[in-house]
Structure formats: structure tokens, C-alpha cells
Amino acid sequence: MKYRLKGALVAGAALALMSRGAYAVPSFARQTGLPCAVCHDVPPQLTQFGRTFKLDGYVMTTLPQVAQGKDLSINRVPPLSAMIQISATTLTHEKYGTAAQGTKQNTNVEFPQQLSLFYAGEITPHMGAFMQFTYTNGQGAFNMDNTDIRYARQNMVGSIPVTWGIDMNNNPTVEDLWNTTPAWAFPWGHSNIADHPDGAFTPMIDENTALGTAGIGEYSMWNGAWYEDFSVYRTSQIAGPQVNDTTSAGSATPGAISGVAPYWRLSWNHNFDGSSWEIGTFGMHAGFNGGEYGTGVAGIDDTYTDYAVDTQFDHHFGNDLLTLYGTYIREDQDLASSAANPALAGMKQHQHLNALHLTGTYQFGLHYQVAAAYFNTNGTTNPIYYTGIGAAASDPASAGFIGRVTYLPWENTQFTLQYTGYTKFNGTSSNAGKSNSLYLLAWYLW
């Protein structure tokens, strides 16, 4: 599991911050000839049509083709898009005179907070992609961000229609169709300056394997109702040493996934009377040689198993839309590698982490949305372990709320005002409000 600790593991945290930034892009609108609102409510929230478009491999198109028999068929217009985010963050920390954010001005402006280029659309018949390349402040270069490449077909199994496919991606859950799984979960934009909206500690599957992995798997939708997905992931080294799988002491790369990490997903979806309801489960199991941060003993794994249940309910009131989301993740941890480190002697080997997210959004026509969310993370106190990875607290518990107002003057432009407030942070309610933040975001896509 990876923890977002400001000041510790800066490079890893920067990648994790990028990962909750996959969006609707205008190249899909150009390819299909349909407005953004057909596939999205407020992007990146998917409508039922948008979920079907993704399930089918991003290949629906009305564009003229460059074609030659059965061997060549590509869009005449390349499916390219761009995005820029500009933001301002006001931190409550500094009103208290704390040193934690003392080097950051208040209010902090990021221009850009994020700049992305996309290839998003059909590659060939039955194969399409969502590929994002992102420039973020502090890195000075473009890096590969969320990427999802899929091949999809439709067949009949008896009288049951089945859509099935093969998927390759670099972020567990980015392939999913609903906004309950971590890669697509609320909030869809957040500050790089403030503390993370979920608190300092999150389960492994909650973005913490994002962008540093490579995965491949299969998926299928049966009769438009039952959806399943099974994938396996490996650590993906970029401009670094080759990962070594051997288990002899000192031979494997610290923090690398041992072997492969399986990811699974099963859900049921039903559409009725202007509403849709999804309920499902997902999870992942991974072992990390020498611990996630190399704080353990080489050749021994720290293992993490995440189990989750989720639900999403949409209901239309004329042109308005109410959407409710709920996700609960339970993570079991066996820290055998870290417990074997003499420097962490006496730490608990077995512990758990729980994360609850509840979100509601209400959209007024095409131009306005209000949203509110509650989050609560708690787990086993383990002072020796958390101190060993650079944390100031022995208790991973954080809880709080998010309020958000979004205005869309056009479908490809958003202005958002978001407030994050904590009732508990890093295991304490005392002065938890010091981590509160007010965030203003301007978001343009073209």
C-alpha cells in the first residue's frame, strides 16, 4: 500500500496526484458526431450511453475513413484533444501559523495545475484507446497518465447478447464503467497543494498502484446487466532498472510487485423508468518485495488484499439528474517484510485499513451541478510501522466532507468551487480543521 505523505516520497505522490485526472475529451465528440452531454453528465461522470461507448471499445464513429479492403480503416481526422487546468487553493493551515505549509504562499495559484494531451478514439475497427499524456508543475516534462486500450466484440450466446473484450491499462479500475471505483471516483479534481481529499492514508487500490503498473485482462457484459472483469498487473519501470522477480535476498527491486497482482470486478446493472442502479464488488491482491517503500527485508513480501463493495444510483427529474454513489473498501495487510526489519522491531505484522466514500450530486440541466461527499478512513494503529514510513501519526484515521459547486457555460468548460473540511486527520480530531482547504478550478478541453 502507498500512503500520500506530504514531504515524503515526493515523486510517488506526484504520480498519484496525476491519476485522478482522466476526463471526457472532445475528440470523442468529433469522432461520434454527438455532443459531450450524450456520454457525460458533468465530465467525467458517464451516462448509460457513455458506459456503452466505453464498453464497445471507443470505436463508434461518423467520420470519413481512410480505407483499403480489410487491412486498413482509420479515421481521416486523428482523435486528438488537449486539456488545461488552472487552479487557486486557499489553505486553512496558515491561519494557524503552522510550519507544515510555511513555504507555500496563501492563496496558491497553479497555472497550469495540469496540462494534458490525449489520443482518444478509434484505432481500428473493434479497437480504441483513451491515452493521456500530462505535464504537471514541478516535473517539467510530459509523462504518460491514465491509459486504457481495448479490443471489443459483440456476440450472441444462445439468446443472450454478450459484449466481450481485451483491455490493457496502467491504473487498476481505470477500465471500469462506473464512477464508484477509485480511478473515476469523486472528487474529479483536487488541489496539488492541499492535503489529499481522502486524508493521508488510503488503500492500495485507491490510486496507489496508478501509473506505475501495466495490466492486461478480459471483460464482458452479459445481457446488458452482468459485468465482469479480471486483469493482472505488473510493476512498470520507466527509465529505471528491470524488475527482478527472484526471491533471494537483495536480488529483487524494492517496492516492486512480486509476480503479478490480480484485479477482479463483478457488478449488476439495471435500467428502469428513467433510472439506473448498479451494485457490485471489486478487489485486488498484491505483494511488494521488501515492502512498498523498501522499509522491509529484501526477498520477503508485504502483502495487501483489498475487498470492496460499491453502488451507484441515477434518477432523472425531467432535465435534472440525481446521482448517488457509495463505496466501501476493506484492506487486509500482512507486513511480513517490514516486521522482519530489525529497525522496526515490535511492530504489528497484521493490520487493516477501511475506507468509506458516500457522494451525492444533483445536476440542474446542462449547466449547473452541486455535490456533497463524506469520507471516513480508519484502521489498525501501528506507531512503529507508520513512524518507519515517515508518518507523524500512529493512527491512519481521517474523516471529513467535501462540498462542490460546478458551472458549465459550455460542455467543454467547467468552473468549480470546492471546499474540503476534516473532522479527523491522521488519527486526531484536535486541530483537524488545519487541513481544510478552499479550491477554485478552471477546466478547459478542446
Protein backbone atom coordinates (compact mmCIF):
# COMPACT_ATOMS: atom_id res chain seq x y z
CA MET A 1 0.00 0.00 0.00
CA LYS A 2 1.15 3.53 -0.76
CA TYR A 3 0.47 6.45 1.56
CA ARG A 4 0.21 10.07 0.46
CA LEU A 5 2.61 11.83 2.79
CA LYS A 6 3.42 15.43 2.05
CA GLY A 7 7.18 15.81 2.02
CA ALA A 8 7.83 12.06 1.91
CA LEU A 9 8.08 10.09 -1.31
CA VAL A 10 7.52 13.21 -3.38
CA ALA A 11 7.92 11.56 -6.76
CA GLY A 12 5.46 8.78 -5.97
CA ALA A 13 2.96 11.24 -4.57
CA ALA A 14 3.21 13.38 -7.70
CA LEU A 15 2.25 10.40 -9.84
CA ALA A 16 -0.62 9.51 -7.52
CA LEU A 17 -1.95 13.07 -7.75
CA MET A 18 -1.97 12.81 -11.54
CA SER A 19 -4.02 9.64 -11.52
CA ARG A 20 -7.37 11.10 -10.55
CA GLY A 21 -7.28 13.17 -13.72
CA ALA A 22 -8.85 11.16 -16.53
CA TYR A 23 -11.63 13.00 -18.31
CA ALA A 24 -14.14 13.33 -21.09
CA VAL A 25 -12.40 14.64 -24.18
CA PRO A 26 -13.76 16.45 -27.29
CA SER A 27 -12.08 14.01 -29.69
CA PHE A 28 -14.83 11.52 -28.77
CA ALA A 29 -17.43 14.13 -29.75
CA ARG A 30 -15.67 14.77 -33.08
CA GLN A 31 -15.48 11.05 -33.80
CA THR A 32 -19.11 10.22 -32.97
CA GLY A 33 -20.72 13.47 -34.12
CA LEU A 34 -22.51 13.62 -30.75
CA PRO A 35 -22.34 16.36 -28.09
CA CYS A 36 -20.42 15.67 -24.89
CA ALA A 37 -23.67 15.56 -22.89
CA VAL A 38 -24.75 12.34 -24.63
CA CYS A 39 -21.93 10.40 -22.91
CA HIS A 40 -21.46 12.55 -19.81
CA ASP A 41 -23.38 14.42 -17.19
CA VAL A 42 -20.69 16.66 -15.72
CA PRO A 43 -17.49 15.06 -17.07
CA PRO A 44 -16.14 12.57 -16.24
CA GLN A 45 -19.48 11.20 -14.99
CA LEU A 46 -20.71 8.70 -17.58
CA THR A 47 -24.28 8.29 -18.76
CA GLN A 48 -25.61 4.86 -19.73
CA PHE A 49 -24.76 5.67 -23.36
CA GLY A 50 -21.24 6.70 -22.31
CA ARG A 51 -20.76 3.41 -20.47
CA THR A 52 -21.82 1.52 -23.59
CA PHE A 53 -19.45 3.56 -25.79
CA LYS A 54 -16.54 2.68 -23.48
CA LEU A 55 -17.61 -0.97 -23.20
CA ASP A 56 -17.63 -1.24 -27.01
CA GLY A 57 -14.04 -0.03 -27.25
CA TYR A 58 -14.43 3.71 -28.10
CA VAL A 59 -15.00 2.82 -31.77
CA MET A 60 -18.37 4.33 -32.74
CA THR A 61 -17.64 6.87 -35.48
CA THR A 62 -19.33 9.04 -38.09
CA LEU A 63 -16.06 10.32 -39.58
CA PRO A 64 -14.96 9.55 -43.15
CA GLN A 65 -12.44 6.71 -43.25
CA VAL A 66 -9.15 6.08 -44.95
CA ALA A 67 -9.80 2.50 -46.02
CA GLN A 68 -8.24 -0.20 -48.16
CA GLY A 69 -10.05 -3.52 -48.20
CA LYS A 70 -9.99 -5.33 -44.87
CA ASP A 71 -6.45 -4.32 -43.97
CA LEU A 72 -6.85 -0.59 -43.34
CA SER A 73 -9.61 1.54 -41.82
CA ILE A 74 -8.75 4.66 -39.84
CA ASN A 75 -10.45 7.99 -39.21
CA ARG A 76 -9.45 10.79 -41.57
CA VAL A 77 -9.37 13.12 -38.58
CA PRO A 78 -6.98 11.94 -35.83
CA PRO A 79 -8.67 11.62 -32.41
CA LEU A 80 -6.59 14.25 -30.61
CA SER A 81 -7.57 16.57 -27.78
CA ALA A 82 -5.99 18.80 -25.16
CA MET A 83 -6.85 19.98 -21.67
CA ILE A 84 -5.63 22.63 -19.27
CA GLN A 85 -6.48 23.11 -15.59
CA ILE A 86 -5.82 26.37 -13.78
CA SER A 87 -6.43 26.49 -10.05
CA ALA A 88 -6.16 28.50 -6.86
CA THR A 89 -6.05 26.99 -3.38
CA THR A 90 -6.53 28.70 -0.05
CA LEU A 91 -5.17 26.72 2.91
CA THR A 92 -6.62 26.90 6.41
CA HIS A 93 -3.20 25.75 7.78
CA GLU A 94 -1.61 29.14 7.51
CA LYS A 95 -4.27 30.91 9.59
CA TYR A 96 -2.97 28.84 12.49
CA GLY A 97 0.65 29.72 11.80
CA THR A 98 1.76 26.11 11.39
CA ALA A 99 5.07 25.32 9.73
CA ALA A 100 3.71 22.44 7.61
CA GLN A 101 2.75 24.71 4.73
CA GLY A 102 5.05 27.55 5.63
CA THR A 103 6.88 27.61 2.31
CA LYS A 104 3.68 27.91 0.27
CA GLN A 105 2.03 31.25 -0.32
CA ASN A 106 -1.64 31.64 0.53
CA THR A 107 -3.55 31.73 -1.85
CA ASN A 108 -1.50 29.44 -4.11
CA VAL A 109 -2.13 29.66 -7.88
CA GLU A 110 -1.13 26.91 -10.32
CA PHE A 111 -1.00 27.93 -13.99
CA PRO A 112 -1.21 25.28 -15.16
CA GLN A 113 -2.10 22.85 -12.44
CA GLN A 114 -2.21 20.28 -15.19
CA LEU A 115 -1.80 20.27 -18.97
CA SER A 116 -2.76 17.12 -20.88
CA LEU A 117 -2.68 15.85 -24.44
CA PHE A 118 -4.95 12.97 -25.47
CA TYR A 119 -5.24 10.33 -28.14
CA ALA A 120 -8.81 9.22 -27.50
CA GLY A 121 -10.84 7.31 -30.05
CA GLU A 122 -10.83 4.54 -32.61
CA ILE A 123 -7.55 2.89 -33.62
CA THR A 124 -9.01 0.23 -35.90
CA PRO A 125 -12.44 -1.39 -36.19
CA HIS A 126 -13.16 -3.04 -32.79
CA MET A 127 -10.14 -1.36 -31.11
CA GLY A 128 -9.91 2.04 -29.47
CA ALA A 129 -7.99 3.90 -26.81
CA PHE A 130 -8.01 6.59 -24.17
CA MET A 131 -4.39 7.73 -23.80
CA GLN A 132 -3.42 10.74 -21.70
CA PHE A 133 -0.03 12.47 -21.53
CA THR A 134 0.26 15.02 -18.74
CA TYR A 135 2.54 17.88 -17.78
CA THR A 136 2.38 18.83 -14.11
CA ASN A 137 4.03 21.57 -12.10
CA GLY A 138 7.28 20.50 -10.52
CA GLN A 139 8.14 17.79 -13.06
CA GLY A 140 8.88 19.91 -16.13
CA ALA A 141 8.05 17.14 -18.60
CA PHE A 142 5.16 15.19 -20.10
CA ASN A 143 4.56 11.74 -18.62
CA MET A 144 2.12 9.00 -19.55
CA ASP A 145 -1.02 9.40 -17.45
CA ASN A 146 -4.16 7.23 -17.43
CA THR A 147 -4.23 4.94 -20.45
CA ASP A 148 -6.89 2.41 -21.46
CA ILE A 149 -6.59 0.44 -24.74
CA ARG A 150 -9.32 -2.06 -25.55
CA TYR A 151 -10.48 -4.52 -28.19
CA ALA A 152 -14.21 -5.30 -28.09
CA ARG A 153 -16.70 -7.52 -29.93
CA GLN A 154 -20.39 -8.38 -29.66
CA ASN A 155 -21.77 -11.92 -29.95
CA MET A 156 -24.82 -13.97 -29.02
CA VAL A 157 -24.52 -16.83 -26.55
CA GLY A 158 -27.77 -18.63 -27.18
CA SER A 159 -30.34 -15.87 -26.85
CA ILE A 160 -28.12 -13.70 -24.60
CA PRO A 161 -26.24 -10.73 -26.12
CA VAL A 162 -22.66 -10.56 -24.86
CA THR A 163 -20.10 -7.80 -25.30
CA TRP A 164 -16.59 -9.01 -24.55
CA GLY A 165 -13.13 -7.59 -24.87
CA ILE A 166 -9.44 -7.47 -24.03
CA ASP A 167 -8.12 -4.46 -22.13
CA MET A 168 -4.63 -3.05 -21.45
CA ASN A 169 -4.18 -0.19 -18.97
CA ASN A 170 -1.81 1.33 -16.43
CA ASN A 171 -4.14 2.02 -13.50
CA PRO A 172 -6.30 -0.63 -11.78
CA THR A 173 -10.00 0.42 -12.04
CA VAL A 174 -9.43 2.91 -14.91
CA GLU A 175 -11.09 0.32 -17.16
CA ASP A 176 -14.30 0.38 -15.11
CA LEU A 177 -17.62 1.80 -16.35
CA TRP A 178 -18.92 3.42 -13.16
CA ASN A 179 -17.86 6.40 -11.05
CA THR A 180 -17.58 4.34 -7.88
CA THR A 181 -14.16 2.81 -8.48
CA PRO A 182 -11.11 4.85 -7.41
CA ALA A 183 -9.80 5.96 -10.82
CA TRP A 184 -13.11 7.72 -11.56
CA ALA A 185 -14.39 8.49 -8.07
CA PHE A 186 -15.41 11.89 -6.71
CA PRO A 187 -13.86 14.44 -6.44
CA TRP A 188 -12.88 14.67 -10.11
CA GLY A 189 -10.40 17.46 -9.49
CA HIS A 190 -8.45 18.42 -6.40
CA SER A 191 -5.60 20.62 -5.33
CA ASN A 192 -1.97 19.56 -5.56
CA ILE A 193 -1.19 21.96 -2.73
CA ALA A 194 -3.70 20.90 -0.06
CA ASP A 195 -3.82 17.58 1.76
CA HIS A 196 -5.45 14.80 -0.21
CA PRO A 197 -9.28 14.79 -0.02
CA ASP A 198 -9.30 11.26 1.48
CA GLY A 199 -6.72 12.03 4.15
CA ALA A 200 -3.09 10.92 4.35
CA PHE A 201 -3.64 7.15 4.16
CA THR A 202 -5.58 5.22 1.52
CA PRO A 203 -5.94 1.57 0.49
CA MET A 204 -3.63 0.16 -2.15
CA ILE A 205 -6.31 0.05 -4.85
CA ASP A 206 -7.26 3.69 -4.28
CA GLU A 207 -4.85 5.08 -6.92
CA ASN A 208 -1.74 3.89 -5.11
CA THR A 209 -0.76 1.47 -7.88
CA ALA A 210 -1.73 4.00 -10.55
CA LEU A 211 0.62 4.77 -13.44
CA GLY A 212 3.41 2.60 -12.05
CA THR A 213 1.82 -0.61 -13.31
CA ALA A 214 0.99 -2.37 -16.57
CA GLY A 215 -2.09 -4.56 -16.73
CA ILE A 216 -3.91 -6.80 -19.18
CA GLY A 217 -7.22 -8.57 -18.79
CA GLU A 218 -10.57 -9.62 -20.17
CA TYR A 219 -14.04 -8.23 -19.58
CA SER A 220 -17.62 -8.97 -20.62
CA MET A 221 -21.16 -7.65 -20.25
CA TRP A 222 -23.98 -10.23 -20.32
CA ASN A 223 -27.48 -9.20 -21.41
CA GLY A 224 -26.68 -5.56 -20.59
CA ALA A 225 -26.81 -6.38 -16.88
CA TRP A 226 -23.96 -8.54 -15.58
CA TYR A 227 -20.44 -7.15 -15.94
CA GLU A 228 -17.21 -8.97 -15.07
CA ASP A 229 -13.56 -8.06 -15.42
CA PHE A 230 -10.39 -9.93 -14.49
CA SER A 231 -6.91 -8.46 -15.02
CA VAL A 232 -3.35 -8.95 -13.81
CA TYR A 233 -0.82 -6.18 -13.14
CA ARG A 234 2.94 -5.91 -13.03
CA THR A 235 5.18 -3.09 -11.87
CA SER A 236 6.05 -0.98 -14.91
CA GLN A 237 9.52 0.51 -14.70
CA ILE A 238 10.11 3.62 -16.81
CA ALA A 239 13.72 4.75 -17.28
CA GLY A 240 14.71 2.53 -14.37
CA PRO A 241 16.21 -0.89 -13.67
CA GLN A 242 14.46 -4.01 -14.86
CA VAL A 243 12.29 -5.57 -12.16
CA ASN A 244 13.69 -8.89 -10.91
CA ASP A 245 11.19 -11.46 -9.64
CA THR A 246 13.60 -13.72 -7.79
CA THR A 247 13.14 -14.09 -4.05
CA SER A 248 16.75 -14.44 -2.89
CA ALA A 249 17.73 -11.69 -0.51
CA GLY A 250 18.76 -8.48 -2.19
CA SER A 251 18.02 -9.58 -5.75
CA ALA A 252 14.58 -8.09 -6.33
CA THR A 253 13.76 -4.42 -6.81
CA PRO A 254 12.40 -2.96 -3.52
CA GLY A 255 8.77 -1.91 -3.76
CA ALA A 256 8.09 -3.89 -6.96
CA ILE A 257 5.04 -6.12 -7.27
CA SER A 258 6.08 -9.73 -6.77
CA GLY A 259 4.92 -11.75 -9.75
CA VAL A 260 1.53 -10.38 -10.79
CA ALA A 261 -1.26 -8.68 -8.88
CA PRO A 262 -4.78 -9.91 -9.79
CA TYR A 263 -7.69 -7.45 -10.02
CA TRP A 264 -11.31 -8.57 -10.16
CA ARG A 265 -14.65 -6.88 -10.77
CA LEU A 266 -18.26 -8.14 -10.78
CA SER A 267 -21.34 -5.93 -10.94
CA TRP A 268 -25.03 -5.96 -11.81
CA ASN A 269 -26.74 -3.05 -13.57
CA HIS A 270 -30.44 -2.43 -14.19
CA ASN A 271 -32.15 0.38 -16.10
CA PHE A 272 -35.76 1.29 -15.34
CA ASP A 273 -38.15 4.27 -15.62
CA GLY A 274 -35.52 6.95 -16.20
CA SER A 275 -33.23 5.44 -13.57
CA SER A 276 -30.29 3.08 -13.41
CA TRP A 277 -28.90 1.14 -10.47
CA GLU A 278 -25.54 -0.63 -10.20
CA ILE A 279 -24.31 -2.76 -7.32
CA GLY A 280 -21.06 -4.66 -7.36
CA THR A 281 -17.76 -5.68 -5.89
CA PHE A 282 -14.10 -5.32 -6.86
CA GLY A 283 -10.74 -6.05 -5.34
CA MET A 284 -7.02 -6.60 -5.76
CA HIS A 285 -4.20 -8.60 -4.16
CA ALA A 286 -0.54 -7.62 -4.37
CA GLY A 287 2.73 -8.45 -2.70
CA PHE A 288 5.63 -5.98 -2.63
CA ASN A 289 9.17 -7.21 -2.31
CA GLY A 290 10.93 -5.54 0.59
CA GLY A 291 7.81 -3.53 1.44
CA GLU A 292 6.24 -0.72 -0.58
CA TYR A 293 9.00 1.72 0.37
CA GLY A 294 11.89 -0.68 0.80
CA THR A 295 11.46 -0.45 4.59
CA GLY A 296 11.33 -4.25 4.84
CA VAL A 297 13.72 -7.10 4.18
CA ALA A 298 14.54 -7.92 0.55
CA GLY A 299 13.22 -11.28 -0.58
CA ILE A 300 10.17 -11.09 1.73
CA ASP A 301 6.84 -9.56 0.70
CA ASP A 302 4.46 -7.20 2.40
CA THR A 303 1.06 -8.25 1.01
CA TYR A 304 -2.17 -6.27 0.68
CA THR A 305 -5.61 -7.59 -0.20
CA ASP A 306 -8.41 -5.13 -0.93
CA TYR A 307 -12.09 -6.10 -0.99
CA ALA A 308 -14.69 -3.54 -1.99
CA VAL A 309 -18.45 -3.18 -2.45
CA ASP A 310 -19.96 -0.33 -4.43
CA THR A 311 -23.26 1.03 -5.68
CA GLN A 312 -24.42 3.82 -7.99
CA PHE A 313 -27.98 5.10 -8.49
CA ASP A 314 -29.09 7.62 -11.13
CA HIS A 315 -32.56 9.14 -11.45
CA HIS A 316 -33.79 11.79 -13.90
CA PHE A 317 -36.22 14.52 -12.87
CA GLY A 318 -37.04 15.92 -16.29
CA ASN A 319 -33.79 17.58 -17.42
CA ASP A 320 -32.26 17.30 -13.94
CA LEU A 321 -30.30 14.33 -12.62
CA LEU A 322 -29.71 12.96 -9.13
CA THR A 323 -26.78 10.56 -8.71
CA LEU A 324 -25.80 8.73 -5.52
CA TYR A 325 -22.54 6.82 -5.05
CA GLY A 326 -21.28 4.57 -2.28
CA THR A 327 -18.01 2.62 -1.93
CA TYR A 328 -16.55 0.67 0.98
CA ILE A 329 -13.03 -0.80 0.78
CA ARG A 330 -11.54 -3.19 3.34
CA GLU A 331 -7.81 -3.80 3.14
CA ASP A 332 -6.04 -6.65 4.97
CA GLN A 333 -2.28 -6.22 5.32
CA ASP A 334 0.38 -8.82 6.13
CA LEU A 335 3.55 -6.83 6.72
CA ALA A 336 5.93 -9.78 6.93
CA SER A 337 8.77 -7.96 5.20
CA SER A 338 8.51 -4.82 7.33
CA ALA A 339 8.14 -6.84 10.54
CA ALA A 340 11.37 -8.70 9.71
CA ASN A 341 13.33 -5.42 9.64
CA PRO A 342 15.24 -5.07 12.96
CA ALA A 343 14.79 -1.28 12.76
CA LEU A 344 11.01 -1.84 13.01
CA ALA A 345 11.21 -4.47 15.77
CA GLY A 346 8.00 -4.87 17.73
CA MET A 347 5.65 -3.60 15.03
CA LYS A 348 2.35 -5.32 14.27
CA GLN A 349 2.57 -7.65 11.29
CA HIS A 350 -1.18 -7.94 10.63
CA GLN A 351 -3.33 -4.85 10.30
CA HIS A 352 -6.22 -3.48 8.28
CA LEU A 353 -7.48 -0.25 6.71
CA ASN A 354 -11.11 0.65 5.91
CA ALA A 355 -12.25 3.42 3.56
CA LEU A 356 -15.86 4.61 3.14
CA HIS A 357 -16.97 7.12 0.49
CA LEU A 358 -20.53 8.44 0.13
CA THR A 359 -21.32 11.01 -2.58
CA GLY A 360 -24.40 12.70 -3.95
CA THR A 361 -24.62 15.02 -6.96
CA TYR A 362 -27.56 16.95 -8.37
CA GLN A 363 -27.34 18.39 -11.86
CA PHE A 364 -29.59 21.23 -13.00
CA GLY A 365 -29.93 20.81 -16.76
CA LEU A 366 -26.62 21.08 -18.63
CA HIS A 367 -25.01 23.99 -16.82
CA TYR A 368 -25.03 23.58 -13.01
CA GLN A 369 -24.20 20.85 -10.54
CA VAL A 370 -23.95 20.72 -6.75
CA ALA A 371 -22.23 17.85 -4.96
CA ALA A 372 -21.56 16.73 -1.41
CA ALA A 373 -19.43 13.85 -0.13
CA TYR A 374 -18.48 12.20 3.15
CA PHE A 375 -15.32 10.15 3.62
CA ASN A 376 -14.08 8.08 6.55
CA THR A 377 -10.83 6.13 6.71
CA ASN A 378 -9.86 4.10 9.78
CA GLY A 379 -7.69 1.13 10.65
CA THR A 380 -5.22 -0.52 12.97
CA THR A 381 -2.97 1.77 14.99
CA ASN A 382 0.66 0.81 14.42
CA PRO A 383 3.05 3.51 15.64
CA ILE A 384 6.27 1.67 14.80
CA TYR A 385 5.20 0.98 11.22
CA TYR A 386 3.82 4.43 10.47
CA THR A 387 6.86 6.10 12.03
CA GLY A 388 9.02 3.82 9.88
CA ILE A 389 7.48 5.13 6.66
CA GLY A 390 7.78 8.75 7.71
CA ALA A 391 4.30 9.41 9.15
CA ALA A 392 3.78 11.69 12.11
CA ALA A 393 0.76 9.76 13.44
CA SER A 394 0.28 6.18 14.62
CA ASP A 395 -3.41 6.11 13.69
CA PRO A 396 -4.43 6.23 9.98
CA ALA A 397 -7.93 7.55 10.68
CA SER A 398 -9.24 10.58 8.79
CA ALA A 399 -12.81 11.75 8.18
CA GLY A 400 -14.50 14.75 6.68
CA PHE A 401 -16.70 16.18 3.97
CA ILE A 402 -16.45 17.84 0.56
CA GLY A 403 -18.84 20.44 -0.84
CA ARG A 404 -18.65 21.36 -4.52
CA VAL A 405 -20.42 23.69 -6.95
CA THR A 406 -19.76 23.44 -10.71
CA TYR A 407 -20.81 25.74 -13.54
CA LEU A 408 -20.51 24.71 -17.19
CA PRO A 409 -21.05 27.67 -19.55
CA TRP A 410 -20.23 25.22 -22.37
CA GLU A 411 -19.97 21.44 -22.34
CA ASN A 412 -16.18 21.52 -22.65
CA THR A 413 -15.60 24.20 -19.98
CA GLN A 414 -16.03 23.93 -16.21
CA PHE A 415 -15.59 26.27 -13.27
CA THR A 416 -15.63 24.61 -9.86
CA LEU A 417 -15.54 25.85 -6.27
CA GLN A 418 -14.75 23.07 -3.79
CA TYR A 419 -14.34 23.05 -0.01
CA THR A 420 -12.76 20.15 1.88
CA GLY A 421 -13.23 20.02 5.65
CA TYR A 422 -11.83 17.48 8.10
CA THR A 423 -13.40 16.32 11.36
CA LYS A 424 -10.42 13.99 11.93
CA PHE A 425 -6.96 13.91 10.37
CA ASN A 426 -4.11 11.41 10.97
CA GLY A 427 -5.91 9.91 13.94
CA THR A 428 -6.81 13.07 15.82
CA SER A 429 -9.78 15.44 15.90
CA SER A 430 -7.75 18.14 17.63
CA ASN A 431 -6.97 20.88 15.10
CA ALA A 432 -8.18 18.65 12.23
CA GLY A 433 -9.53 21.82 10.63
CA LYS A 434 -5.96 22.92 9.91
CA SER A 435 -6.07 20.61 6.90
CA ASN A 436 -9.18 22.27 5.42
CA SER A 437 -8.92 23.93 2.02
CA LEU A 438 -10.87 26.01 -0.48
CA TYR A 439 -10.18 25.17 -4.12
CA LEU A 440 -11.12 27.06 -7.29
CA LEU A 441 -10.66 25.24 -10.60
CA ALA A 442 -10.98 26.37 -14.22
CA TRP A 443 -11.03 23.40 -16.60
CA TYR A 444 -10.89 23.69 -20.41
CA LEU A 445 -10.95 20.91 -23.02
CA TRP A 446 -10.71 21.25 -26.79
